[in-house]
PDB file of N, CA and C in Angstrom:
ATOM      1  N   PRO A   1      42.231  18.737 -64.563  1.00  0.00           N
ATOM      2  CA  PRO A   1      40.986  19.257 -64.032  1.00  0.00           C
ATOM      3  C   PRO A   1      39.786  18.535 -64.646  1.00  0.00           C
ATOM      4  N   LEU A   2      38.750  18.379 -63.849  1.00  0.00           N
ATOM      5  CA  LEU A   2      37.520  17.764 -64.324  1.00  0.00           C
ATOM      6  C   LEU A   2      36.626  18.832 -64.940  1.00  0.00           C
ATOM      7  N   THR A   3      36.420  18.751 -66.243  1.00  0.00           N
ATOM      8  CA  THR A   3      35.533  19.697 -66.910  1.00  0.00           C
ATOM      9  C   THR A   3      34.334  19.002 -67.531  1.00  0.00           C
ATOM     10  N   ASP A   4      34.395  17.683 -67.674  1.00  0.00           N
ATOM     11  CA  ASP A   4      33.314  16.930 -68.293  1.00  0.00           C
ATOM     12  C   ASP A   4      33.362  15.486 -67.809  1.00  0.00           C
ATOM     13  N   ILE A   5      32.330  14.736 -68.107  1.00  0.00           N
ATOM     14  CA  ILE A   5      32.271  13.336 -67.690  1.00  0.00           C
ATOM     15  C   ILE A   5      33.423  12.530 -68.300  1.00  0.00           C
ATOM     16  N   TYR A   6      33.896  12.940 -69.475  1.00  0.00           N
ATOM     17  CA  TYR A   6      34.989  12.226 -70.142  1.00  0.00           C
ATOM     18  C   TYR A   6      36.298  12.306 -69.361  1.00  0.00           C
ATOM     19  N   ASP A   7      36.426  13.301 -68.502  1.00  0.00           N
ATOM     20  CA  ASP A   7      37.647  13.482 -67.709  1.00  0.00           C
ATOM     21  C   ASP A   7      37.641  12.646 -66.440  1.00  0.00           C
ATOM     22  N   GLY A   8      36.499  12.095 -66.088  1.00  0.00           N
ATOM     23  CA  GLY A   8      36.367  11.383 -64.824  1.00  0.00           C
ATOM     24  C   GLY A   8      37.019  10.014 -64.820  1.00  0.00           C
ATOM     25  N   TRP A   9      37.338   9.561 -63.630  1.00  0.00           N
ATOM     26  CA  TRP A   9      37.984   8.265 -63.448  1.00  0.00           C
ATOM     27  C   TRP A   9      37.104   7.123 -63.950  1.00  0.00           C
ATOM     28  N   MET A  10      35.800   7.169 -63.628  1.00  0.00           N
ATOM     29  CA  MET A  10      34.906   6.070 -63.994  1.00  0.00           C
ATOM     30  C   MET A  10      34.803   5.907 -65.511  1.00  0.00           C
ATOM     31  N   TRP A  11      34.752   7.017 -66.233  1.00  0.00           N
ATOM     32  CA  TRP A  11      34.646   6.951 -67.696  1.00  0.00           C
ATOM     33  C   TRP A  11      35.871   6.247 -68.289  1.00  0.00           C
ATOM     34  N   GLN A  12      37.026   6.534 -67.753  1.00  0.00           N
ATOM     35  CA  GLN A  12      38.262   5.970 -68.288  1.00  0.00           C
ATOM     36  C   GLN A  12      38.489   4.521 -67.890  1.00  0.00           C
ATOM     37  N   SER A  13      37.875   4.082 -66.787  1.00  0.00           N
ATOM     38  CA  SER A  13      38.240   2.765 -66.271  1.00  0.00           C
ATOM     39  C   SER A  13      37.089   1.773 -66.145  1.00  0.00           C
ATOM     40  N   LEU A  14      35.859   2.136 -66.513  1.00  0.00           N
ATOM     41  CA  LEU A  14      34.734   1.215 -66.375  1.00  0.00           C
ATOM     42  C   LEU A  14      34.994  -0.030 -67.220  1.00  0.00           C
ATOM     43  N   PRO A  15      35.178  -1.186 -66.572  1.00  0.00           N
ATOM     44  CA  PRO A  15      35.516  -2.398 -67.332  1.00  0.00           C
ATOM     45  C   PRO A  15      34.265  -3.081 -67.887  1.00  0.00           C
ATOM     46  N   THR A  16      34.489  -3.914 -68.861  1.00  0.00           N
ATOM     47  CA  THR A  16      33.428  -4.757 -69.385  1.00  0.00           C
ATOM     48  C   THR A  16      33.800  -6.202 -69.093  1.00  0.00           C
ATOM     49  N   GLY A  17      32.820  -7.022 -68.915  1.00  0.00           N
ATOM     50  CA  GLY A  17      33.093  -8.421 -68.585  1.00  0.00           C
ATOM     51  C   GLY A  17      32.974  -9.364 -69.767  1.00  0.00           C
ATOM     52  N   ILE A  18      32.240  -8.941 -70.807  1.00  0.00           N
ATOM     53  CA  ILE A  18      32.063  -9.824 -71.964  1.00  0.00           C
ATOM     54  C   ILE A  18      32.126  -9.033 -73.260  1.00  0.00           C
ATOM     55  N   VAL A  19      32.391  -9.746 -74.325  1.00  0.00           N
ATOM     56  CA  VAL A  19      32.322  -9.218 -75.682  1.00  0.00           C
ATOM     57  C   VAL A  19      31.470 -10.193 -76.467  1.00  0.00           C
ATOM     58  N   HIS A  20      30.571  -9.664 -77.293  1.00  0.00           N
ATOM     59  CA  HIS A  20      29.746 -10.521 -78.136  1.00  0.00           C
ATOM     60  C   HIS A  20      30.498 -10.777 -79.440  1.00  0.00           C
ATOM     61  N   GLN A  21      30.713 -12.035 -79.764  1.00  0.00           N
ATOM     62  CA  GLN A  21      31.424 -12.395 -80.997  1.00  0.00           C
ATOM     63  C   GLN A  21      30.447 -13.106 -81.933  1.00  0.00           C
ATOM     64  N   TRP A  22      30.316 -12.587 -83.157  1.00  0.00           N
ATOM     65  CA  TRP A  22      29.391 -13.112 -84.152  1.00  0.00           C
ATOM     66  C   TRP A  22      30.080 -14.173 -85.002  1.00  0.00           C
ATOM     67  N   ASN A  23      29.466 -15.339 -85.100  1.00  0.00           N
ATOM     68  CA  ASN A  23      29.955 -16.405 -85.966  1.00  0.00           C
ATOM     69  C   ASN A  23      29.033 -16.448 -87.185  1.00  0.00           C
ATOM     70  N   SER A  24      29.524 -15.945 -88.321  1.00  0.00           N
ATOM     71  CA  SER A  24      28.676 -15.834 -89.513  1.00  0.00           C
ATOM     72  C   SER A  24      28.360 -17.193 -90.130  1.00  0.00           C
ATOM     73  N   ARG A  25      29.208 -18.187 -89.936  1.00  0.00           N
ATOM     74  CA  ARG A  25      28.912 -19.515 -90.483  1.00  0.00           C
ATOM     75  C   ARG A  25      27.775 -20.189 -89.731  1.00  0.00           C
ATOM     76  N   LYS A  26      27.783 -20.077 -88.419  1.00  0.00           N
ATOM     77  CA  LYS A  26      26.758 -20.725 -87.597  1.00  0.00           C
ATOM     78  C   LYS A  26      25.581 -19.798 -87.280  1.00  0.00           C
ATOM     79  N   HIS A  27      25.702 -18.536 -87.673  1.00  0.00           N
ATOM     80  CA  HIS A  27      24.662 -17.542 -87.387  1.00  0.00           C
ATOM     81  C   HIS A  27      24.307 -17.507 -85.900  1.00  0.00           C
ATOM     82  N   GLU A  28      25.332 -17.348 -85.076  1.00  0.00           N
ATOM     83  CA  GLU A  28      25.123 -17.279 -83.648  1.00  0.00           C
ATOM     84  C   GLU A  28      26.078 -16.285 -83.011  1.00  0.00           C
ATOM     85  N   VAL A  29      25.686 -15.824 -81.843  1.00  0.00           N
ATOM     86  CA  VAL A  29      26.517 -14.914 -81.077  1.00  0.00           C
ATOM     87  C   VAL A  29      27.029 -15.653 -79.855  1.00  0.00           C
ATOM     88  N   LYS A  30      28.311 -15.507 -79.596  1.00  0.00           N
ATOM     89  CA  LYS A  30      28.920 -16.146 -78.434  1.00  0.00           C
ATOM     90  C   LYS A  30      29.474 -15.058 -77.527  1.00  0.00           C
ATOM     91  N   ASP A  31      29.206 -15.178 -76.230  1.00  0.00           N
ATOM     92  CA  ASP A  31      29.755 -14.245 -75.246  1.00  0.00           C
ATOM     93  C   ASP A  31      31.116 -14.742 -74.783  1.00  0.00           C
ATOM     94  N   ILE A  32      32.113 -13.883 -74.908  1.00  0.00           N
ATOM     95  CA  ILE A  32      33.473 -14.245 -74.529  1.00  0.00           C
ATOM     96  C   ILE A  32      33.877 -13.410 -73.314  1.00  0.00           C
ATOM     97  N   ASN A  33      34.363 -14.071 -72.278  1.00  0.00           N
ATOM     98  CA  ASN A  33      34.812 -13.408 -71.063  1.00  0.00           C
ATOM     99  C   ASN A  33      36.125 -12.688 -71.343  1.00  0.00           C
ATOM    100  N   VAL A  34      36.139 -11.384 -71.104  1.00  0.00           N
ATOM    101  CA  VAL A  34      37.348 -10.602 -71.367  1.00  0.00           C
ATOM    102  C   VAL A  34      37.828  -9.849 -70.126  1.00  0.00           C
ATOM    103  N   LYS A  35      37.453 -10.340 -68.959  1.00  0.00           N
ATOM    104  CA  LYS A  35      37.838  -9.628 -67.734  1.00  0.00           C
ATOM    105  C   LYS A  35      39.347  -9.491 -67.605  1.00  0.00           C
ATOM    106  N   ASN A  36      40.077 -10.450 -68.096  1.00  0.00           N
ATOM    107  CA  ASN A  36      41.538 -10.392 -67.990  1.00  0.00           C
ATOM    108  C   ASN A  36      42.166  -9.525 -69.069  1.00  0.00           C
ATOM    109  N   LEU A  37      41.381  -9.075 -70.054  1.00  0.00           N
ATOM    110  CA  LEU A  37      41.928  -8.264 -71.137  1.00  0.00           C
ATOM    111  C   LEU A  37      41.926  -6.771 -70.825  1.00  0.00           C
ATOM    112  N   LYS A  38      41.309  -6.387 -69.715  1.00  0.00           N
ATOM    113  CA  LYS A  38      41.237  -4.973 -69.303  1.00  0.00           C
ATOM    114  C   LYS A  38      40.604  -4.098 -70.386  1.00  0.00           C
ATOM    115  N   GLN A  39      39.532  -4.564 -71.007  1.00  0.00           N
ATOM    116  CA  GLN A  39      38.858  -3.798 -72.045  1.00  0.00           C
ATOM    117  C   GLN A  39      37.908  -2.777 -71.416  1.00  0.00           C
ATOM    118  N   GLN A  40      37.900  -1.563 -71.948  1.00  0.00           N
ATOM    119  CA  GLN A  40      37.036  -0.516 -71.431  1.00  0.00           C
ATOM    120  C   GLN A  40      35.645  -0.629 -72.044  1.00  0.00           C
ATOM    121  N   PHE A  41      34.642  -0.406 -71.218  1.00  0.00           N
ATOM    122  CA  PHE A  41      33.254  -0.486 -71.664  1.00  0.00           C
ATOM    123  C   PHE A  41      32.961   0.492 -72.794  1.00  0.00           C
ATOM    124  N   VAL A  42      33.446   1.717 -72.691  1.00  0.00           N
ATOM    125  CA  VAL A  42      33.149   2.739 -73.697  1.00  0.00           C
ATOM    126  C   VAL A  42      33.879   2.505 -75.013  1.00  0.00           C
ATOM    127  N   SER A  43      34.828   1.583 -75.047  1.00  0.00           N
ATOM    128  CA  SER A  43      35.513   1.278 -76.300  1.00  0.00           C
ATOM    129  C   SER A  43      34.729   0.297 -77.163  1.00  0.00           C
ATOM    130  N   LEU A  44      33.697  -0.328 -76.593  1.00  0.00           N
ATOM    131  CA  LEU A  44      32.874  -1.260 -77.361  1.00  0.00           C
ATOM    132  C   LEU A  44      31.954  -0.501 -78.308  1.00  0.00           C
ATOM    133  N   LYS A  45      31.590  -1.131 -79.413  1.00  0.00           N
ATOM    134  CA  LYS A  45      30.744  -0.501 -80.411  1.00  0.00           C
ATOM    135  C   LYS A  45      29.401  -0.060 -79.818  1.00  0.00           C
ATOM    136  N   CYS A  46      28.841  -0.864 -78.952  1.00  0.00           N
ATOM    137  CA  CYS A  46      27.555  -0.532 -78.328  1.00  0.00           C
ATOM    138  C   CYS A  46      27.705  -0.264 -76.836  1.00  0.00           C
ATOM    139  N   GLY A  47      28.855   0.190 -76.406  1.00  0.00           N
ATOM    140  CA  GLY A  47      29.108   0.452 -74.989  1.00  0.00           C
ATOM    141  C   GLY A  47      28.598   1.818 -74.574  1.00  0.00           C
ATOM    142  N   LEU A  48      27.278   1.968 -74.558  1.00  0.00           N
ATOM    143  CA  LEU A  48      26.679   3.255 -74.207  1.00  0.00           C
ATOM    144  C   LEU A  48      26.617   3.459 -72.701  1.00  0.00           C
ATOM    145  N   ILE A  49      26.865   4.679 -72.303  1.00  0.00           N
ATOM    146  CA  ILE A  49      26.671   5.081 -70.918  1.00  0.00           C
ATOM    147  C   ILE A  49      25.652   6.210 -70.954  1.00  0.00           C
ATOM    148  N   VAL A  50      24.581   6.041 -70.188  1.00  0.00           N
ATOM    149  CA  VAL A  50      23.510   7.030 -70.185  1.00  0.00           C
ATOM    150  C   VAL A  50      23.341   7.585 -68.777  1.00  0.00           C
ATOM    151  N   HIS A  51      22.705   8.722 -68.698  1.00  0.00           N
ATOM    152  CA  HIS A  51      22.320   9.222 -67.382  1.00  0.00           C
ATOM    153  C   HIS A  51      20.857   9.637 -67.430  1.00  0.00           C
ATOM    154  N   ILE A  52      20.206   9.478 -66.290  1.00  0.00           N
ATOM    155  CA  ILE A  52      18.789   9.789 -66.151  1.00  0.00           C
ATOM    156  C   ILE A  52      18.658  10.986 -65.218  1.00  0.00           C
ATOM    157  N   ASN A  53      17.879  11.944 -65.650  1.00  0.00           N
ATOM    158  CA  ASN A  53      17.675  13.174 -64.894  1.00  0.00           C
ATOM    159  C   ASN A  53      16.227  13.284 -64.449  1.00  0.00           C
ATOM    160  N   ILE A  54      16.003  13.999 -63.357  1.00  0.00           N
ATOM    161  CA  ILE A  54      14.650  14.331 -62.909  1.00  0.00           C
ATOM    162  C   ILE A  54      14.660  15.799 -62.504  1.00  0.00           C
ATOM    163  N   ASP A  55      13.623  16.512 -62.908  1.00  0.00           N
ATOM    164  CA  ASP A  55      13.526  17.919 -62.542  1.00  0.00           C
ATOM    165  C   ASP A  55      12.052  18.298 -62.481  1.00  0.00           C
ATOM    166  N   TRP A  56      11.759  19.322 -61.718  1.00  0.00           N
ATOM    167  CA  TRP A  56      10.398  19.809 -61.520  1.00  0.00           C
ATOM    168  C   TRP A  56      10.313  21.243 -61.976  1.00  0.00           C
ATOM    169  N   PHE A  57       9.163  21.628 -62.504  1.00  0.00           N
ATOM    170  CA  PHE A  57       8.958  22.997 -62.941  1.00  0.00           C
ATOM    171  C   PHE A  57       7.501  23.379 -62.733  1.00  0.00           C
ATOM    172  N   CYS A  58       7.243  24.664 -62.641  1.00  0.00           N
ATOM    173  CA  CYS A  58       5.879  25.167 -62.498  1.00  0.00           C
ATOM    174  C   CYS A  58       5.276  25.226 -63.900  1.00  0.00           C
ATOM    175  N   SER A  59       4.305  24.375 -64.165  1.00  0.00           N
ATOM    176  CA  SER A  59       3.765  24.257 -65.513  1.00  0.00           C
ATOM    177  C   SER A  59       2.621  25.229 -65.795  1.00  0.00           C
ATOM    178  N   LEU A  60       2.084  25.852 -64.763  1.00  0.00           N
ATOM    179  CA  LEU A  60       1.004  26.825 -64.942  1.00  0.00           C
ATOM    180  C   LEU A  60       1.469  28.186 -64.435  1.00  0.00           C
ATOM    181  N   LYS A  61       1.244  29.205 -65.229  1.00  0.00           N
ATOM    182  CA  LYS A  61       1.771  30.536 -64.923  1.00  0.00           C
ATOM    183  C   LYS A  61       1.199  31.131 -63.637  1.00  0.00           C
ATOM    184  N   TYR A  62      -0.097  30.987 -63.415  1.00  0.00           N
ATOM    185  CA  TYR A  62      -0.733  31.639 -62.272  1.00  0.00           C
ATOM    186  C   TYR A  62      -1.265  30.649 -61.238  1.00  0.00           C
ATOM    187  N   ALA A  63      -0.646  29.485 -61.147  1.00  0.00           N
ATOM    188  CA  ALA A  63      -1.095  28.488 -60.169  1.00  0.00           C
ATOM    189  C   ALA A  63       0.118  27.829 -59.537  1.00  0.00           C
ATOM    190  N   ASN A  64      -0.056  27.344 -58.337  1.00  0.00           N
ATOM    191  CA  ASN A  64       1.008  26.633 -57.641  1.00  0.00           C
ATOM    192  C   ASN A  64       0.890  25.144 -57.969  1.00  0.00           C
ATOM    193  N   TYR A  65       1.360  24.758 -59.123  1.00  0.00           N
ATOM    194  CA  TYR A  65       1.236  23.379 -59.612  1.00  0.00           C
ATOM    195  C   TYR A  65       2.567  22.964 -60.220  1.00  0.00           C
ATOM    196  N   SER A  66       3.172  21.893 -59.717  1.00  0.00           N
ATOM    197  CA  SER A  66       4.471  21.424 -60.206  1.00  0.00           C
ATOM    198  C   SER A  66       4.316  20.181 -61.065  1.00  0.00           C
ATOM    199  N   THR A  67       5.098  20.113 -62.116  1.00  0.00           N
ATOM    200  CA  THR A  67       5.143  18.946 -62.994  1.00  0.00           C
ATOM    201  C   THR A  67       6.577  18.444 -63.025  1.00  0.00           C
ATOM    202  N   GLY A  68       6.739  17.136 -62.936  1.00  0.00           N
ATOM    203  CA  GLY A  68       8.077  16.547 -62.978  1.00  0.00           C
ATOM    204  C   GLY A  68       8.339  15.879 -64.320  1.00  0.00           C
ATOM    205  N   MET A  69       9.590  15.880 -64.707  1.00  0.00           N
ATOM    206  CA  MET A  69      10.013  15.199 -65.932  1.00  0.00           C
ATOM    207  C   MET A  69      11.191  14.293 -65.606  1.00  0.00           C
ATOM    208  N   VAL A  70      11.204  13.130 -66.221  1.00  0.00           N
ATOM    209  CA  VAL A  70      12.348  12.232 -66.127  1.00  0.00           C
ATOM    210  C   VAL A  70      12.815  11.994 -67.558  1.00  0.00           C
ATOM    211  N   TRP A  71      14.083  12.286 -67.817  1.00  0.00           N
ATOM    212  CA  TRP A  71      14.600  12.123 -69.174  1.00  0.00           C
ATOM    213  C   TRP A  71      15.964  11.459 -69.160  1.00  0.00           C
ATOM    214  N   LEU A  72      16.333  10.923 -70.304  1.00  0.00           N
ATOM    215  CA  LEU A  72      17.574  10.166 -70.470  1.00  0.00           C
ATOM    216  C   LEU A  72      18.444  10.867 -71.497  1.00  0.00           C
ATOM    217  N   MET A  73      19.746  10.846 -71.257  1.00  0.00           N
ATOM    218  CA  MET A  73      20.712  11.409 -72.203  1.00  0.00           C
ATOM    219  C   MET A  73      21.870  10.437 -72.364  1.00  0.00           C
ATOM    220  N   ILE A  74      22.459  10.433 -73.543  1.00  0.00           N
ATOM    221  CA  ILE A  74      23.573   9.525 -73.856  1.00  0.00           C
ATOM    222  C   ILE A  74      24.890  10.266 -73.634  1.00  0.00           C
ATOM    223  N   ASN A  75      25.694   9.762 -72.717  1.00  0.00           N
ATOM    224  CA  ASN A  75      26.960  10.420 -72.390  1.00  0.00           C
ATOM    225  C   ASN A  75      28.025  10.236 -73.460  1.00  0.00           C
ATOM    226  N   ASN A  76      27.893   9.228 -74.313  1.00  0.00           N
ATOM    227  CA  ASN A  76      28.918   8.960 -75.316  1.00  0.00           C
ATOM    228  C   ASN A  76      28.933   9.980 -76.453  1.00  0.00           C
ATOM    229  N   LEU A  77      27.874  10.738 -76.605  1.00  0.00           N
ATOM    230  CA  LEU A  77      27.822  11.729 -77.680  1.00  0.00           C
ATOM    231  C   LEU A  77      28.793  12.870 -77.392  1.00  0.00           C
ATOM    232  N   PRO A  78      29.323  13.501 -78.437  1.00  0.00           N
ATOM    233  CA  PRO A  78      30.178  14.676 -78.203  1.00  0.00           C
ATOM    234  C   PRO A  78      29.399  15.756 -77.457  1.00  0.00           C
ATOM    235  N   ARG A  79      30.086  16.475 -76.616  1.00  0.00           N
ATOM    236  CA  ARG A  79      29.421  17.469 -75.774  1.00  0.00           C
ATOM    237  C   ARG A  79      28.661  18.501 -76.598  1.00  0.00           C
ATOM    238  N   SER A  80      29.137  18.799 -77.777  1.00  0.00           N
ATOM    239  CA  SER A  80      28.491  19.824 -78.606  1.00  0.00           C
ATOM    240  C   SER A  80      27.086  19.419 -79.048  1.00  0.00           C
ATOM    241  N   ILE A  81      26.777  18.123 -79.072  1.00  0.00           N
ATOM    242  CA  ILE A  81      25.444  17.671 -79.480  1.00  0.00           C
ATOM    243  C   ILE A  81      24.723  16.874 -78.394  1.00  0.00           C
ATOM    244  N   GLN A  82      25.387  16.623 -77.294  1.00  0.00           N
ATOM    245  CA  GLN A  82      24.833  15.777 -76.233  1.00  0.00           C
ATOM    246  C   GLN A  82      23.537  16.323 -75.652  1.00  0.00           C
ATOM    247  N   PHE A  83      23.404  17.631 -75.545  1.00  0.00           N
ATOM    248  CA  PHE A  83      22.239  18.230 -74.884  1.00  0.00           C
ATOM    249  C   PHE A  83      21.208  18.780 -75.864  1.00  0.00           C
ATOM    250  N   LEU A  84      21.336  18.465 -77.140  1.00  0.00           N
ATOM    251  CA  LEU A  84      20.342  18.912 -78.116  1.00  0.00           C
ATOM    252  C   LEU A  84      19.029  18.176 -77.902  1.00  0.00           C
ATOM    253  N   GLN A  85      17.937  18.819 -78.295  1.00  0.00           N
ATOM    254  CA  GLN A  85      16.606  18.250 -78.087  1.00  0.00           C
ATOM    255  C   GLN A  85      16.470  16.875 -78.733  1.00  0.00           C
ATOM    256  N   GLU A  86      17.012  16.702 -79.920  1.00  0.00           N
ATOM    257  CA  GLU A  86      16.874  15.408 -80.613  1.00  0.00           C
ATOM    258  C   GLU A  86      17.688  14.287 -79.962  1.00  0.00           C
ATOM    259  N   ASN A  87      18.566  14.621 -79.031  1.00  0.00           N
ATOM    260  CA  ASN A  87      19.350  13.614 -78.319  1.00  0.00           C
ATOM    261  C   ASN A  87      18.914  13.463 -76.865  1.00  0.00           C
ATOM    262  N   THR A  88      17.756  14.005 -76.533  1.00  0.00           N
ATOM    263  CA  THR A  88      17.182  13.913 -75.195  1.00  0.00           C
ATOM    264  C   THR A  88      15.905  13.097 -75.285  1.00  0.00           C
ATOM    265  N   PHE A  89      15.767  12.096 -74.434  1.00  0.00           N
ATOM    266  CA  PHE A  89      14.640  11.163 -74.514  1.00  0.00           C
ATOM    267  C   PHE A  89      13.787  11.286 -73.258  1.00  0.00           C
ATOM    268  N   LEU A  90      12.567  11.775 -73.433  1.00  0.00           N
ATOM    269  CA  LEU A  90      11.635  11.905 -72.330  1.00  0.00           C
ATOM    270  C   LEU A  90      11.122  10.526 -71.952  1.00  0.00           C
ATOM    271  N   LEU A  91      11.362  10.113 -70.703  1.00  0.00           N
ATOM    272  CA  LEU A  91      10.930   8.795 -70.251  1.00  0.00           C
ATOM    273  C   LEU A  91       9.513   8.842 -69.697  1.00  0.00           C
ATOM    274  N   PHE A  92       9.231   9.803 -68.823  1.00  0.00           N
ATOM    275  CA  PHE A  92       7.872   9.971 -68.347  1.00  0.00           C
ATOM    276  C   PHE A  92       7.712  11.318 -67.654  1.00  0.00           C
ATOM    277  N   ILE A  93       6.449  11.705 -67.493  1.00  0.00           N
ATOM    278  CA  ILE A  93       6.078  12.947 -66.840  1.00  0.00           C
ATOM    279  C   ILE A  93       5.355  12.597 -65.541  1.00  0.00           C
ATOM    280  N   ILE A  94       5.665  13.336 -64.480  1.00  0.00           N
ATOM    281  CA  ILE A  94       5.053  13.087 -63.180  1.00  0.00           C
ATOM    282  C   ILE A  94       4.149  14.274 -62.847  1.00  0.00           C
ATOM    283  N   PRO A  95       2.836  14.109 -63.010  1.00  0.00           N
ATOM    284  CA  PRO A  95       1.942  15.213 -62.660  1.00  0.00           C
ATOM    285  C   PRO A  95       1.751  15.284 -61.153  1.00  0.00           C
ATOM    286  N   GLY A  96       1.469  16.441 -60.682  1.00  0.00           N
ATOM    287  CA  GLY A  96       1.209  16.560 -59.250  1.00  0.00           C
ATOM    288  C   GLY A  96       0.972  17.987 -58.841  1.00  0.00           C
ATOM    289  N   LEU A  97       0.311  18.147 -57.748  1.00  0.00           N
ATOM    290  CA  LEU A  97       0.077  19.502 -57.258  1.00  0.00           C
ATOM    291  C   LEU A  97       1.358  20.136 -56.755  1.00  0.00           C
ATOM    292  N   THR A  98       2.163  19.327 -56.085  1.00  0.00           N
ATOM    293  CA  THR A  98       3.426  19.828 -55.546  1.00  0.00           C
ATOM    294  C   THR A  98       4.527  18.816 -55.837  1.00  0.00           C
ATOM    295  N   GLU A  99       5.732  19.275 -55.705  1.00  0.00           N
ATOM    296  CA  GLU A  99       6.893  18.399 -55.895  1.00  0.00           C
ATOM    297  C   GLU A  99       6.963  17.421 -54.727  1.00  0.00           C
ATOM    298  N   PRO A 100       7.081  16.099 -55.010  1.00  0.00           N
ATOM    299  CA  PRO A 100       7.154  15.136 -53.914  1.00  0.00           C
ATOM    300  C   PRO A 100       8.486  15.233 -53.172  1.00  0.00           C
ATOM    301  N   ASN A 101       8.475  14.823 -51.896  1.00  0.00           N
ATOM    302  CA  ASN A 101       9.734  14.798 -51.153  1.00  0.00           C
ATOM    303  C   ASN A 101      10.478  13.495 -51.481  1.00  0.00           C
ATOM    304  N   THR A 102      11.654  13.324 -50.941  1.00  0.00           N
ATOM    305  CA  THR A 102      12.502  12.169 -51.238  1.00  0.00           C
ATOM    306  C   THR A 102      11.835  10.859 -50.876  1.00  0.00           C
ATOM    307  N   GLU A 103      11.174  10.818 -49.738  1.00  0.00           N
ATOM    308  CA  GLU A 103      10.511   9.571 -49.299  1.00  0.00           C
ATOM    309  C   GLU A 103       9.375   9.184 -50.250  1.00  0.00           C
ATOM    310  N   GLN A 104       8.592  10.164 -50.687  1.00  0.00           N
ATOM    311  CA  GLN A 104       7.499   9.885 -51.613  1.00  0.00           C
ATOM    312  C   GLN A 104       8.013   9.366 -52.956  1.00  0.00           C
ATOM    313  N   LEU A 105       9.110   9.928 -53.444  1.00  0.00           N
ATOM    314  CA  LEU A 105       9.714   9.451 -54.697  1.00  0.00           C
ATOM    315  C   LEU A 105      10.188   8.011 -54.544  1.00  0.00           C
ATOM    316  N   ALA A 106      10.817   7.711 -53.424  1.00  0.00           N
ATOM    317  CA  ALA A 106      11.347   6.356 -53.191  1.00  0.00           C
ATOM    318  C   ALA A 106      10.241   5.324 -53.095  1.00  0.00           C
ATOM    319  N   GLU A 107       9.090   5.728 -52.529  1.00  0.00           N
ATOM    320  CA  GLU A 107       7.980   4.807 -52.355  1.00  0.00           C
ATOM    321  C   GLU A 107       7.084   4.737 -53.581  1.00  0.00           C
ATOM    322  N   GLY A 108       7.290   5.621 -54.548  1.00  0.00           N
ATOM    323  CA  GLY A 108       6.486   5.607 -55.759  1.00  0.00           C
ATOM    324  C   GLY A 108       5.104   6.194 -55.574  1.00  0.00           C
ATOM    325  N   GLU A 109       4.925   7.039 -54.590  1.00  0.00           N
ATOM    326  CA  GLU A 109       3.611   7.652 -54.335  1.00  0.00           C
ATOM    327  C   GLU A 109       3.363   8.792 -55.283  1.00  0.00           C
TER     328      GLU A 109
END
């Protein structure tokens, strides 16, 4: 049964195409193609998967005024701490009198 993102097919099978290999003698990073190695993206040290959310709320108690928020969360964190305030990153706030429709969001109005 699917109870979390970790149970999903994409989480288990998202491939990576390269690995960064550090050469300490030459002080350089080399990208190595690993498509044939079937390496999972989330198994990499910096293989973060994030999701971006958008939601609207009434920011004034006695007025019809909606404010939008767009925030980012890291899916790799354990579920017990994934949704804590310190692990949520506010990207931007969308002020407005009303919540925009889908077309307005797509056009950036």
